[in-house]
């Protein structure tokens, strides 16, 4: 079997800013200003799972001219304008086009209020789903930069927090990005055996990956995930060291990162990897609408029962 390699960035904890019509009109100015803001500082990102697991990271963050640089432990990832440069593996990727942003009508905005964050005047913006908090963000009034975001699971518990602990309303010079000829351009593709909608997330873009894999990007305007499908059974690779996750009465392999969750499974005729920032209750619905992990046959289950 082939070994699946998934290239992942460090910026999962940075909120994906991109979102019914009234809510979108209320959110759009904040998101537009956040995308154009120039700033630098340090950010702490923590993700909690089932109340007893967590993953945390501390990142240096800088944003200028529509480009965001996230660094940790000497490695960095620069994203913006449809391009990504990674110091981890030397990959430079680009997409030629992508779909316009819109927000699912399952969301509505709550009332805003003034506050202070890091000693600076700021505004709290809340997003509700079915009347319950789903996202709370604090934006710096002077620059528009996001200073804090909190994502909540369906039961109201805190799922992810990303907070700036140091903030400077100026950005240092950015390192040079790769020359245009060194970018690997991801080609758009007609959808292949991937649903147009999953759990309230719509398929916004689809790309051709290496070795006949397909990558589809799904979003509801607030959260997003990429779904990779390979027409073959693949080794679990780094997921061999992951945890088993029960969802929709099925078992998957899961890796938890500070800003994202990664899920792997082999179905009967394909291998899937899901990478996203969506909350656990959304994830369970999405997985329930995809092909189930293949169950080992009776002899394999008996062998594993005896010898592990």
Protein backbone atom coordinates (compact mmCIF):
# COMPACT_ATOMS: atom_id res chain seq x y z
CA UNK A 1 0.00 0.00 0.00
CA UNK A 2 1.10 3.55 -0.59
CA UNK A 3 1.94 5.85 2.28
CA UNK A 4 -0.20 8.94 2.49
CA UNK A 5 1.64 12.20 3.08
CA UNK A 6 -0.43 15.21 4.09
CA UNK A 7 1.31 18.59 4.13
CA UNK A 8 -0.08 20.68 6.99
CA UNK A 9 0.68 24.23 8.05
CA UNK A 10 1.13 25.94 11.39
CA UNK A 11 -1.63 28.47 10.90
CA UNK A 12 -4.63 26.33 11.82
CA UNK A 13 -5.24 28.44 14.89
CA UNK A 14 -5.65 31.62 12.89
CA UNK A 15 -9.33 32.19 12.31
CA UNK A 16 -10.48 31.56 8.74
CA UNK A 17 -11.93 34.94 7.85
CA UNK A 18 -13.97 34.67 4.96
CA UNK A 19 -19.08 34.45 5.94
CA UNK A 20 -27.86 34.23 6.59
CA UNK A 21 -27.57 37.57 4.67
CA UNK A 22 -28.10 39.94 7.63
CA UNK A 23 -25.40 38.23 9.68
CA UNK A 24 -22.96 38.40 6.78
CA UNK A 25 -23.60 42.12 6.36
CA UNK A 26 -22.94 42.68 10.07
CA UNK A 27 -19.78 40.57 10.15
CA UNK A 28 -18.27 41.65 6.84
CA UNK A 29 -16.79 44.99 8.01
CA UNK A 30 -14.99 43.31 10.92
CA UNK A 31 -13.66 40.51 8.73
CA UNK A 32 -12.58 42.90 5.99
CA UNK A 33 -10.71 45.10 8.46
CA UNK A 34 -9.12 42.05 10.12
CA UNK A 35 -7.83 40.83 6.76
CA UNK A 36 -6.33 44.23 5.96
CA UNK A 37 -4.89 44.90 9.43
CA UNK A 38 -1.14 45.24 9.92
CA UNK A 39 0.23 43.97 13.23
CA UNK A 40 2.64 41.58 14.91
CA UNK A 41 2.87 39.74 18.21
CA UNK A 42 2.54 36.36 19.89
CA UNK A 43 -0.53 34.18 19.90
CA UNK A 44 -1.51 31.22 22.11
CA UNK A 45 -3.83 28.63 20.55
CA UNK A 46 -5.47 25.86 22.60
CA UNK A 47 -7.92 23.19 21.47
CA UNK A 48 -9.87 21.06 23.98
CA UNK A 49 -11.40 17.65 23.23
CA UNK A 50 -14.03 15.91 25.41
CA UNK A 51 -12.86 17.89 28.42
CA UNK A 52 -9.80 15.73 29.10
CA UNK A 53 -7.57 16.21 26.03
CA UNK A 54 -5.95 19.35 24.74
CA UNK A 55 -3.33 20.61 22.30
CA UNK A 56 -1.62 23.97 22.68
CA UNK A 57 0.87 26.06 20.74
CA UNK A 58 2.56 29.45 20.98
CA UNK A 59 3.15 31.29 17.69
CA UNK A 60 4.76 34.48 16.49
CA UNK A 61 2.34 36.20 14.13
CA UNK A 62 2.77 39.08 11.70
CA UNK A 63 0.45 40.42 9.03
CA UNK A 64 1.16 43.02 6.34
CA UNK A 65 0.04 43.65 2.74
CA UNK A 66 -2.51 40.83 2.92
CA UNK A 67 0.14 38.25 3.90
CA UNK A 68 0.18 36.47 7.26
CA UNK A 69 3.33 34.91 8.69
CA UNK A 70 3.03 32.35 11.50
CA UNK A 71 6.20 30.99 13.14
CA UNK A 72 6.90 28.42 15.83
CA UNK A 73 10.07 26.64 16.91
CA UNK A 74 12.09 28.24 14.13
CA UNK A 75 9.71 27.19 11.35
CA UNK A 76 7.28 29.41 9.54
CA UNK A 77 4.30 29.45 7.24
CA UNK A 78 3.32 32.43 5.11
CA UNK A 79 -0.15 32.53 3.58
CA UNK A 80 -2.17 35.06 1.61
CA UNK A 81 -3.37 35.91 -1.86
CA UNK A 82 -3.93 32.26 -2.72
CA UNK A 83 -0.31 31.34 -1.93
CA UNK A 84 1.44 29.41 0.82
CA UNK A 85 5.17 29.22 1.59
CA UNK A 86 6.27 26.66 4.20
CA UNK A 87 9.70 26.64 5.82
CA UNK A 88 8.95 23.18 7.23
CA UNK A 89 9.19 21.29 3.94
CA UNK A 90 10.14 23.95 1.42
CA UNK A 91 6.79 23.65 -0.35
CA UNK A 92 5.37 26.71 -2.10
CA UNK A 93 1.79 26.20 -3.24
CA UNK A 94 -0.58 28.46 -5.14
CA UNK A 95 -4.17 28.34 -6.36
CA UNK A 96 -5.23 30.37 -9.35
CA UNK A 97 -8.83 30.99 -8.25
CA UNK A 98 -11.20 30.36 -5.38
CA UNK A 99 -14.87 30.85 -4.61
CA UNK A 100 -16.33 34.01 -3.10
CA UNK A 101 -17.08 33.98 0.60
CA UNK A 102 -20.61 33.67 1.99
CA UNK A 103 -22.06 32.78 5.38
CA UNK A 104 -24.44 29.92 6.16
CA UNK A 105 -27.90 31.05 7.18
CA UNK A 106 -27.68 28.84 10.28
CA UNK A 107 -25.70 31.66 11.92
CA UNK A 108 -26.82 34.98 13.35
CA UNK A 109 -24.88 37.71 15.09
CA UNK A 110 -25.45 38.74 18.69
CA UNK A 111 -25.18 42.26 20.02
CA UNK A 112 -21.72 43.86 20.02
CA UNK A 113 -20.19 45.58 23.03
CA UNK A 114 -17.15 47.62 23.90
CA UNK A 115 -14.31 46.18 25.97
CA UNK A 116 -10.57 46.46 26.54
CA UNK A 117 -8.12 43.75 25.50
CA UNK A 118 -4.38 44.00 26.19
CA UNK A 119 -5.12 47.49 27.48
CA UNK A 120 -6.53 48.58 24.12
CA UNK A 121 -10.08 49.66 23.19
CA UNK A 122 -11.76 46.75 21.42
CA UNK A 123 -15.13 45.38 20.29
CA UNK A 124 -16.67 42.01 21.17
CA UNK A 125 -18.58 40.31 18.34
CA UNK A 126 -20.58 37.11 18.92
CA UNK A 127 -21.99 34.60 16.43
CA UNK A 128 -24.90 32.36 17.43
CA UNK A 129 -26.20 29.05 16.08
CA UNK A 130 -29.71 28.01 17.13
CA UNK A 131 -29.58 30.78 19.71
CA UNK A 132 -26.45 29.41 21.42
CA UNK A 133 -22.93 30.91 21.24
CA UNK A 134 -20.78 29.37 18.52
CA UNK A 135 -18.01 31.98 18.16
CA UNK A 136 -16.87 35.02 20.13
CA UNK A 137 -14.25 37.40 18.76
CA UNK A 138 -12.57 40.54 20.06
CA UNK A 139 -11.30 43.01 17.45
CA UNK A 140 -8.85 45.81 18.14
CA UNK A 141 -10.59 49.13 17.44
CA UNK A 142 -7.52 50.95 16.12
CA UNK A 143 -6.26 48.33 13.66
CA UNK A 144 -9.15 45.86 13.21
CA UNK A 145 -6.85 42.97 14.16
CA UNK A 146 -8.42 39.93 15.86
CA UNK A 147 -7.11 39.81 19.44
CA UNK A 148 -9.11 36.80 20.67
CA UNK A 149 -11.41 34.14 19.27
CA UNK A 150 -13.33 31.45 21.15
CA UNK A 151 -15.13 28.57 19.42
CA UNK A 152 -17.77 26.60 21.31
CA UNK A 153 -18.94 23.01 20.88
CA UNK A 154 -22.62 22.15 20.56
CA UNK A 155 -22.94 21.61 24.33
CA UNK A 156 -21.66 25.11 25.04
CA UNK A 157 -18.19 24.04 26.17
CA UNK A 158 -15.11 25.88 24.95
CA UNK A 159 -13.53 24.00 22.03
CA UNK A 160 -10.80 26.34 20.81
CA UNK A 161 -9.25 29.58 21.99
CA UNK A 162 -6.79 31.75 20.07
CA UNK A 163 -5.56 34.81 21.95
CA UNK A 164 -2.87 37.39 21.32
CA UNK A 165 -0.66 37.68 24.41
CA UNK A 166 1.66 40.31 22.93
CA UNK A 167 0.47 42.82 20.36
CA UNK A 168 2.17 45.54 18.35
CA UNK A 169 0.15 47.71 15.97
CA UNK A 170 2.96 47.49 13.43
CA UNK A 171 4.33 44.62 11.39
CA UNK A 172 8.04 43.91 10.85
CA UNK A 173 9.35 43.46 7.29
CA UNK A 174 8.19 40.18 5.80
CA UNK A 175 10.69 37.67 4.42
CA UNK A 176 10.70 37.27 0.67
CA UNK A 177 8.24 34.75 -0.74
CA UNK A 178 9.17 32.18 -3.34
CA UNK A 179 9.65 33.33 -6.90
CA UNK A 180 6.62 32.76 -9.08
CA UNK A 181 8.27 29.93 -11.03
CA UNK A 182 8.81 27.92 -7.84
CA UNK A 183 5.16 27.71 -6.83
CA UNK A 184 3.41 24.41 -7.34
CA UNK A 185 0.04 25.43 -8.74
CA UNK A 186 -2.93 23.38 -7.60
CA UNK A 187 -5.18 22.82 -10.58
CA UNK A 188 -8.92 23.10 -10.21
CA UNK A 189 -10.82 19.90 -10.87
CA UNK A 190 -14.33 18.80 -11.60
CA UNK A 191 -15.66 17.05 -8.46
CA UNK A 192 -15.00 13.33 -8.36
CA UNK A 193 -17.06 11.16 -6.00
CA UNK A 194 -17.28 13.92 -3.39
CA UNK A 195 -20.61 15.38 -2.19
CA UNK A 196 -21.56 18.96 -3.00
CA UNK A 197 -22.60 19.46 0.64
CA UNK A 198 -21.72 17.80 3.94
CA UNK A 199 -23.32 18.65 7.26
CA UNK A 200 -24.22 22.19 6.22
CA UNK A 201 -20.79 22.83 4.62
CA UNK A 202 -20.73 23.40 0.88
CA UNK A 203 -17.97 22.29 -1.47
CA UNK A 204 -16.43 25.60 -2.48
CA UNK A 205 -13.39 24.41 -4.47
CA UNK A 206 -11.88 21.14 -5.70
CA UNK A 207 -8.25 20.54 -6.67
CA UNK A 208 -6.21 17.75 -8.22
CA UNK A 209 -3.58 16.36 -5.85
CA UNK A 210 -0.57 14.07 -6.40
CA UNK A 211 -1.05 10.45 -7.42
CA UNK A 212 -4.67 10.92 -8.53
CA UNK A 213 -5.87 12.29 -5.19
CA UNK A 214 -8.63 14.86 -5.03
CA UNK A 215 -8.80 17.66 -2.46
CA UNK A 216 -12.12 19.39 -1.84
CA UNK A 217 -12.44 22.50 0.30
CA UNK A 218 -15.69 22.79 2.28
CA UNK A 219 -16.88 25.80 4.26
CA UNK A 220 -19.94 27.27 5.95
CA UNK A 221 -18.40 30.73 5.97
CA UNK A 222 -17.30 30.47 9.60
CA UNK A 223 -15.43 27.15 9.73
CA UNK A 224 -13.89 24.98 7.03
CA UNK A 225 -12.21 21.69 6.25
CA UNK A 226 -10.35 20.02 3.40
CA UNK A 227 -11.30 16.50 2.41
CA UNK A 228 -8.69 14.39 0.61
CA UNK A 229 -9.78 11.25 -1.26
CA UNK A 230 -7.40 8.71 -2.79
CA UNK A 231 -8.70 5.87 -4.94
CA UNK A 232 -6.63 3.27 -3.09
CA UNK A 233 -6.04 1.86 0.37
CA UNK A 234 -3.20 3.79 1.98
CA UNK A 235 -1.07 3.37 5.07
CA UNK A 236 -2.07 5.51 8.02
CA UNK A 237 1.39 7.11 8.18
CA UNK A 238 1.54 9.61 11.07
CA UNK A 239 -1.99 8.62 12.08
CA UNK A 240 -0.56 5.32 13.39
CA UNK A 241 0.45 7.36 16.43
CA UNK A 242 -2.95 9.04 16.69
CA UNK A 243 -5.92 8.35 18.92
CA UNK A 244 -8.97 6.30 18.06
CA UNK A 245 -12.02 8.51 17.75
CA UNK A 246 -15.61 7.34 17.99
CA UNK A 247 -18.07 9.34 15.92
CA UNK A 248 -21.43 8.44 14.38
CA UNK A 249 -20.99 4.88 15.78
CA UNK A 250 -17.79 4.49 13.75
CA UNK A 251 -14.09 4.40 14.60
CA UNK A 252 -11.50 6.71 13.05
CA UNK A 253 -7.87 7.66 13.62
CA UNK A 254 -7.44 11.23 14.85
CA UNK A 255 -4.63 13.71 15.40
CA UNK A 256 -5.36 16.83 17.42
CA UNK A 257 -3.39 20.01 16.70
CA UNK A 258 -3.67 23.39 18.45
CA UNK A 259 -5.64 24.85 15.56
CA UNK A 260 -7.14 21.88 13.76
CA UNK A 261 -8.25 18.27 13.88
CA UNK A 262 -7.10 15.61 11.40
CA UNK A 263 -9.06 12.41 10.77
CA UNK A 264 -7.99 9.35 8.74
CA UNK A 265 -9.88 6.27 7.59
CA UNK A 266 -9.88 3.60 4.90
CA UNK A 267 -13.30 3.00 3.35
CA UNK A 268 -14.11 -0.03 1.23
CA UNK A 269 -12.73 1.48 -2.00
CA UNK A 270 -10.92 4.68 -1.04
CA UNK A 271 -8.89 6.43 1.65
CA UNK A 272 -10.02 9.69 3.23
CA UNK A 273 -8.26 12.36 5.27
CA UNK A 274 -10.19 15.28 6.73
CA UNK A 275 -8.33 18.36 8.01
CA UNK A 276 -10.26 21.27 9.47
CA UNK A 277 -11.12 23.71 12.22
CA UNK A 278 -14.77 22.73 12.55
CA UNK A 279 -16.14 22.02 16.08
CA UNK A 280 -16.70 18.39 17.20
CA UNK A 281 -20.50 18.34 16.86
CA UNK A 282 -20.20 19.61 13.27
CA UNK A 283 -17.45 17.07 12.58
CA UNK A 284 -19.61 14.16 13.71
CA UNK A 285 -22.41 15.17 11.33
CA UNK A 286 -19.97 15.55 8.43
CA UNK A 287 -18.41 12.12 9.07
CA UNK A 288 -21.85 10.47 9.26
CA UNK A 289 -22.53 11.60 5.67
CA UNK A 290 -19.30 10.13 4.25
CA UNK A 291 -18.42 6.49 3.46
CA UNK A 292 -17.84 4.57 6.69
CA UNK A 293 -14.47 3.13 7.71
CA UNK A 294 -14.12 -0.43 6.49
CA UNK A 295 -14.62 -2.94 9.29
CA UNK A 296 -12.04 -5.76 9.49
CA UNK A 297 -13.41 -9.18 8.66
CA UNK A 298 -14.14 -11.79 11.33
CA UNK A 299 -10.73 -13.52 11.10
CA UNK A 300 -8.87 -10.20 11.39
CA UNK A 301 -10.96 -9.16 14.40
CA UNK A 302 -10.32 -12.52 16.09
CA UNK A 303 -6.58 -12.26 15.43
CA UNK A 304 -6.44 -8.75 16.86
CA UNK A 305 -8.47 -9.86 19.85
CA UNK A 306 -5.88 -12.56 20.63
CA UNK A 307 -2.66 -10.80 19.76
CA UNK A 308 -3.49 -7.07 19.72
